[in-house]
Structure formats: structure tokens, C-alpha cells
Amino acid sequence: DVPVECGGITVAPGDIIVAGEDGVVVVPSARAAEVLKRAQEIDARETKMVPFIKQHKSLGKVIAIFNRI
């Protein structure tokens, strides 16, 4: 129940840690709601891209349409 430092990052009790093939993210508990909202917005936008990818059969074209990777 005390903050620790790992890889140069301070992790406090209650922080959220998410790890995967691409790396590790630490979300401070005070910003959890903000980060969740932003992640949901990104997920919704990316979900809307799927039908366009199927239609155009080109990720490059869909990236240009949505101005996003």
C-alpha cells in the first residue's frame, strides 16, 4: 500500500496497470474515468471503420477517409 517505482514510473496504490504485447500502461487512479472515456471514444471510431475496410478492401483508403490509423 505504498507507491513503488518501476521502469522509471511511479505506480501508486489504486493505479490501473494494463500490459500486452506492445508494452505496459499505468493509468493513475485519479485519471481512470477520463482515460476510460477517451478509450471508449477511440473504440467507437475504430468500430465504425470495419465496414469501410470490408467495402474498400484497403486499409489505406479507410485511413484517409477517417484521417486516422
Protein backbone atom coordinates (compact mmCIF):
# COMPACT_ATOMS: atom_id res chain seq x y z
CA ASP A 1 0.00 0.00 0.00
CA VAL A 2 2.82 2.39 -0.85
CA PRO A 3 3.95 3.90 -4.17
CA VAL A 4 6.68 1.98 -5.97
CA GLU A 5 8.90 2.89 -8.89
CA CYS A 6 9.15 0.51 -11.82
CA GLY A 7 10.98 1.33 -15.05
CA GLY A 8 11.22 4.96 -14.03
CA ILE A 9 7.45 5.26 -13.46
CA THR A 10 5.86 5.70 -10.06
CA VAL A 11 2.92 3.37 -9.52
CA ALA A 12 0.63 4.25 -6.62
CA PRO A 13 -1.89 2.04 -4.87
CA GLY A 14 -5.12 2.01 -6.88
CA ASP A 15 -3.45 2.80 -10.21
CA ILE A 16 -4.53 0.65 -13.14
CA ILE A 17 -1.87 -1.31 -14.97
CA VAL A 18 -2.56 -2.74 -18.44
CA ALA A 19 0.03 -4.87 -20.21
CA GLY A 20 0.14 -6.52 -23.61
CA GLU A 21 2.43 -7.43 -26.47
CA ASP A 22 3.12 -3.76 -27.21
CA GLY A 23 4.05 -2.69 -23.70
CA VAL A 24 2.68 -1.56 -20.36
CA VAL A 25 0.49 1.42 -19.46
CA VAL A 26 -0.06 2.83 -15.99
CA VAL A 27 -3.24 4.85 -15.52
CA PRO A 28 -3.29 6.92 -12.34
CA SER A 29 -6.48 6.19 -10.44
CA ALA A 30 -7.34 9.91 -10.41
CA ARG A 31 -7.48 9.88 -14.25
CA ALA A 32 -9.19 6.49 -14.71
CA ALA A 33 -12.60 7.91 -15.70
CA GLU A 34 -11.02 10.32 -18.20
CA VAL A 35 -8.88 7.59 -19.77
CA LEU A 36 -11.85 5.19 -19.96
CA LYS A 37 -13.98 7.81 -21.73
CA ARG A 38 -11.24 8.51 -24.28
CA ALA A 39 -10.62 4.79 -24.86
CA GLN A 40 -14.34 4.25 -25.47
CA GLU A 41 -14.36 7.11 -28.00
CA ILE A 42 -11.42 5.58 -29.86
CA ASP A 43 -13.03 2.13 -29.80
CA ALA A 44 -16.30 3.51 -31.20
CA ARG A 45 -14.46 5.30 -34.02
CA GLU A 46 -12.41 2.23 -34.90
CA THR A 47 -15.53 0.03 -34.85
CA LYS A 48 -17.09 2.35 -37.43
CA MET A 49 -14.08 1.74 -39.67
CA VAL A 50 -14.67 -2.02 -40.04
CA PRO A 51 -17.48 -1.85 -42.65
CA PHE A 52 -15.41 0.62 -44.70
CA ILE A 53 -12.39 -1.68 -44.61
CA LYS A 54 -14.57 -4.55 -45.84
CA GLN A 55 -16.14 -2.35 -48.55
CA HIS A 56 -12.94 -0.75 -49.86
CA LYS A 57 -10.69 -3.75 -49.17
CA SER A 58 -7.98 -1.23 -48.41
CA LEU A 59 -6.85 -0.05 -45.02
CA GLY A 60 -5.01 2.84 -46.70
CA LYS A 61 -8.22 4.23 -48.20
CA VAL A 62 -10.07 3.93 -44.91
CA ILE A 63 -7.25 5.65 -43.03
CA ALA A 64 -7.57 8.54 -45.50
CA ILE A 65 -11.37 8.67 -45.03
CA PHE A 66 -11.12 8.67 -41.20
CA ASN A 67 -7.82 10.59 -41.04
CA ARG A 68 -6.61 8.02 -38.51
CA ILE A 69 -4.56 4.86 -38.28
